[in-house]
Protein backbone atom coordinates (compact mmCIF):
# COMPACT_ATOMS: atom_id res chain seq x y z
CA MET A 1 0.00 0.00 0.00
CA LYS A 2 1.34 3.39 -0.95
CA GLY A 3 1.70 6.07 1.66
CA LYS A 4 0.68 9.67 1.33
CA ALA A 5 2.43 11.77 -1.26
CA THR A 6 5.32 13.81 0.04
CA SER A 7 5.27 17.59 -0.07
CA GLU A 8 7.80 17.52 -2.89
CA GLU A 9 5.59 15.20 -4.97
CA ARG A 10 2.56 17.40 -4.37
CA ILE A 11 4.44 20.50 -5.54
CA ARG A 12 5.74 18.59 -8.56
CA ARG A 13 2.13 17.68 -9.46
CA VAL A 14 1.11 21.34 -9.22
CA ILE A 15 4.01 22.25 -11.50
CA GLN A 16 2.99 19.61 -14.05
CA LEU A 17 -0.70 20.49 -13.92
CA SER A 18 -0.14 24.24 -14.21
CA ARG A 19 2.24 23.75 -17.14
CA ILE A 20 -0.21 21.54 -19.04
CA ASN A 21 -3.21 23.71 -18.21
CA GLY A 22 -1.41 26.98 -18.97
CA TRP A 23 -0.09 25.83 -22.35
CA SER A 24 -3.48 24.33 -23.25
CA ILE A 25 -5.18 27.64 -22.56
CA VAL A 26 -2.56 29.72 -24.38
CA GLY A 27 -2.53 27.37 -27.38
CA PHE A 28 -6.26 26.92 -27.78
CA ALA A 29 -7.24 30.53 -27.04
CA GLY A 30 -4.42 31.85 -29.24
CA LEU A 31 -5.48 29.62 -32.14
CA CYS A 32 -9.13 30.64 -31.74
CA ALA A 33 -8.12 34.31 -31.61
CA ILE A 34 -6.23 33.99 -34.90
CA VAL A 35 -9.06 32.11 -36.61
CA VAL A 36 -11.76 34.62 -35.62
CA LEU A 37 -9.48 37.50 -36.60
CA LEU A 38 -9.24 36.00 -40.08
CA PHE A 39 -13.04 36.22 -40.19
CA GLY A 40 -12.86 39.87 -39.12
CA ASP A 41 -14.33 39.36 -35.65
CA LEU A 42 -12.45 41.85 -33.47
CA PHE A 43 -14.58 41.13 -30.40
CA GLY A 44 -13.87 37.40 -30.66
CA PHE A 45 -10.19 38.16 -31.20
CA SER A 46 -10.06 40.29 -28.05
CA VAL A 47 -11.79 37.57 -26.03
CA GLY A 48 -9.31 34.97 -27.33
CA VAL A 49 -6.37 37.20 -26.42
CA ALA A 50 -7.84 37.88 -22.97
CA ILE A 51 -8.19 34.15 -22.34
CA ALA A 52 -4.66 33.51 -23.60
CA VAL A 53 -3.43 36.09 -21.07
CA GLY A 54 -5.01 33.91 -18.35
CA GLY A 55 -2.96 30.97 -19.62
CA TRP A 56 0.18 33.12 -19.65
CA MET A 57 -0.52 34.10 -16.02
CA GLU A 58 -0.69 30.42 -15.10
CA LEU A 59 2.57 29.71 -16.92
CA HIS A 60 4.20 32.62 -15.09
CA GLY A 61 3.02 31.12 -11.79
CA ASN A 62 4.42 27.80 -12.94
CA GLN A 63 7.86 29.35 -13.50
CA LEU A 64 7.76 31.02 -10.09
CA LEU A 65 6.79 27.74 -8.45
CA LYS A 66 9.75 25.99 -10.08
CA LYS A 67 11.91 28.56 -8.28
CA GLN A 68 10.01 27.84 -5.05
CA ASN A 69 8.68 31.39 -4.89
CA ILE A 70 5.56 31.55 -2.71
CA ILE A 71 4.13 34.32 -4.93
CA ALA A 72 3.55 31.57 -7.51
CA PHE A 73 0.31 30.63 -5.79
CA ARG A 74 -1.04 34.17 -6.21
CA TRP A 75 -0.39 33.88 -9.93
CA LEU A 76 -1.81 30.37 -10.20
CA ALA A 77 -4.98 31.13 -8.24
CA GLY A 78 -5.23 34.62 -9.75
CA SER A 79 -5.12 33.22 -13.27
CA GLN A 80 -8.16 31.09 -12.50
CA ILE A 81 -10.08 34.01 -11.01
CA TYR A 82 -9.11 36.12 -14.02
CA LEU A 83 -10.39 33.41 -16.38
CA ILE A 84 -13.67 33.20 -14.47
CA ILE A 85 -14.12 36.95 -14.85
CA VAL A 86 -13.27 36.94 -18.58
CA LEU A 87 -15.41 33.92 -19.44
CA TRP A 88 -18.37 35.05 -17.33
CA SER A 89 -18.16 38.50 -18.92
CA TYR A 90 -18.18 36.88 -22.35
CA CYS A 91 -21.22 34.76 -21.46
CA TYR A 92 -23.04 37.71 -19.87
CA ASN A 93 -22.37 39.83 -22.94
CA ASN A 94 -23.79 37.16 -25.23
CA ILE A 95 -26.86 36.58 -23.06
CA VAL A 96 -27.60 40.31 -22.91
CA ARG A 97 -27.08 40.80 -26.67
CA PHE A 98 -29.38 37.91 -27.58
CA ASP A 99 -32.75 39.08 -28.86
CA PRO A 100 -35.37 36.43 -28.04
CA SER A 101 -37.85 38.12 -30.39
CA ASP A 102 -35.44 37.35 -33.26
CA PRO A 103 -33.56 34.13 -32.39
CA TRP A 104 -32.32 33.95 -36.01
CA GLY A 105 -30.60 37.33 -35.72
CA ARG A 106 -27.15 35.95 -35.02
CA LEU A 107 -27.37 33.22 -37.67
CA SER A 108 -26.87 33.49 -41.39
CA PRO A 109 -29.89 33.38 -43.75
CA GLU A 110 -28.39 30.28 -45.36
CA PHE A 111 -28.30 28.48 -42.02
CA LYS A 112 -31.89 29.51 -41.29
CA ASN A 113 -33.00 28.13 -44.69
CA LEU A 114 -31.12 24.90 -44.06
CA ILE A 115 -32.74 24.38 -40.66
CA LEU A 116 -36.21 25.21 -41.94
CA SER A 117 -35.74 22.83 -44.88
CA ILE A 118 -35.18 20.05 -42.36
CA ASN A 119 -38.04 21.08 -40.10
CA PRO A 120 -40.40 23.79 -41.37
CA ASP A 121 -42.08 24.33 -37.97
CA THR A 122 -40.74 27.85 -37.40
CA TYR A 123 -42.25 28.24 -33.93
CA LEU A 124 -40.72 24.99 -32.67
CA ILE A 125 -37.29 25.81 -34.11
CA GLU A 126 -37.33 29.34 -32.67
CA GLU A 127 -38.23 28.05 -29.21
CA LEU A 128 -35.50 25.44 -29.49
CA LEU A 129 -32.98 28.12 -30.51
CA LYS A 130 -33.89 30.24 -27.48
CA VAL A 131 -33.60 27.36 -25.03
CA THR A 132 -30.37 26.15 -26.60
CA TYR A 133 -28.81 29.60 -26.59
CA TYR A 134 -29.51 30.31 -22.93
CA THR A 135 -28.71 26.75 -21.84
CA THR A 136 -25.35 26.85 -23.58
CA TYR A 137 -24.18 30.03 -21.87
CA ILE A 138 -25.52 29.00 -18.48
CA ALA A 139 -23.72 25.65 -18.85
CA VAL A 140 -20.48 27.50 -19.68
CA ILE A 141 -20.92 29.72 -16.61
CA VAL A 142 -21.43 26.70 -14.33
CA THR A 143 -18.61 24.71 -15.93
CA VAL A 144 -16.17 27.61 -15.61
CA LEU A 145 -17.11 28.02 -11.95
CA ILE A 146 -16.56 24.33 -11.26
CA TYR A 147 -13.33 23.94 -13.25
CA GLN A 148 -11.58 27.26 -12.74
CA GLY A 149 -12.95 27.66 -9.21
CA GLY A 150 -11.92 24.13 -8.30
CA LEU A 151 -8.47 24.62 -9.78
CA CYS A 152 -8.09 27.89 -7.86
CA LEU A 153 -8.93 26.10 -4.60
CA PHE A 154 -6.60 23.23 -5.51
CA TYR A 155 -3.70 25.62 -6.10
CA LEU A 156 -4.35 27.47 -2.85
CA SER A 157 -4.57 24.19 -0.92
CA ARG A 158 -1.07 23.23 -2.13
CA LYS A 159 0.61 26.41 -0.91
CA LYS A 160 1.33 24.82 2.48
CA TYR A 161 3.47 22.13 0.84
CA LEU A 162 5.96 24.52 -0.75
CA TYR A 163 8.03 25.13 2.37
CA SER A 164 7.82 21.49 3.41
CA ALA A 165 9.15 20.48 0.00
CA SER A 166 12.14 22.82 0.25
CA GLU A 167 13.26 21.59 3.67
């Protein structure tokens, strides 16, 4: 039976997790920012860049943790709080901008024609669009709270192991 992980192992796990998570965020958000910029979406580009900054913050915390700098945990936890704020702001903005009286407003006419060719019941499709739109953004809000919030708490709970690992 294995014993409890040592403080050094716990800090090493935080270093590995923050490196993987930080690079994943920077890579994915950066790629999305470039793609939406090619389509001329400056708002989407700015959101992608803002999210990539959150990944950079986590990578900066990772580098500080490798040097056993206690400030690393501020950066690691702060990056998660920053991402919550950015992603919630994005979701809030999209929920507020959605016009339930015209659920097709954010979709192309071609897409509308395609959907109605599959199912011509306009009322049903419009109600489905409304429910789907709100459900999607609420699900993102909850998921971000669980993932980023949980990761923030995880990072903060590992702070106590830094000094034990360096002894």
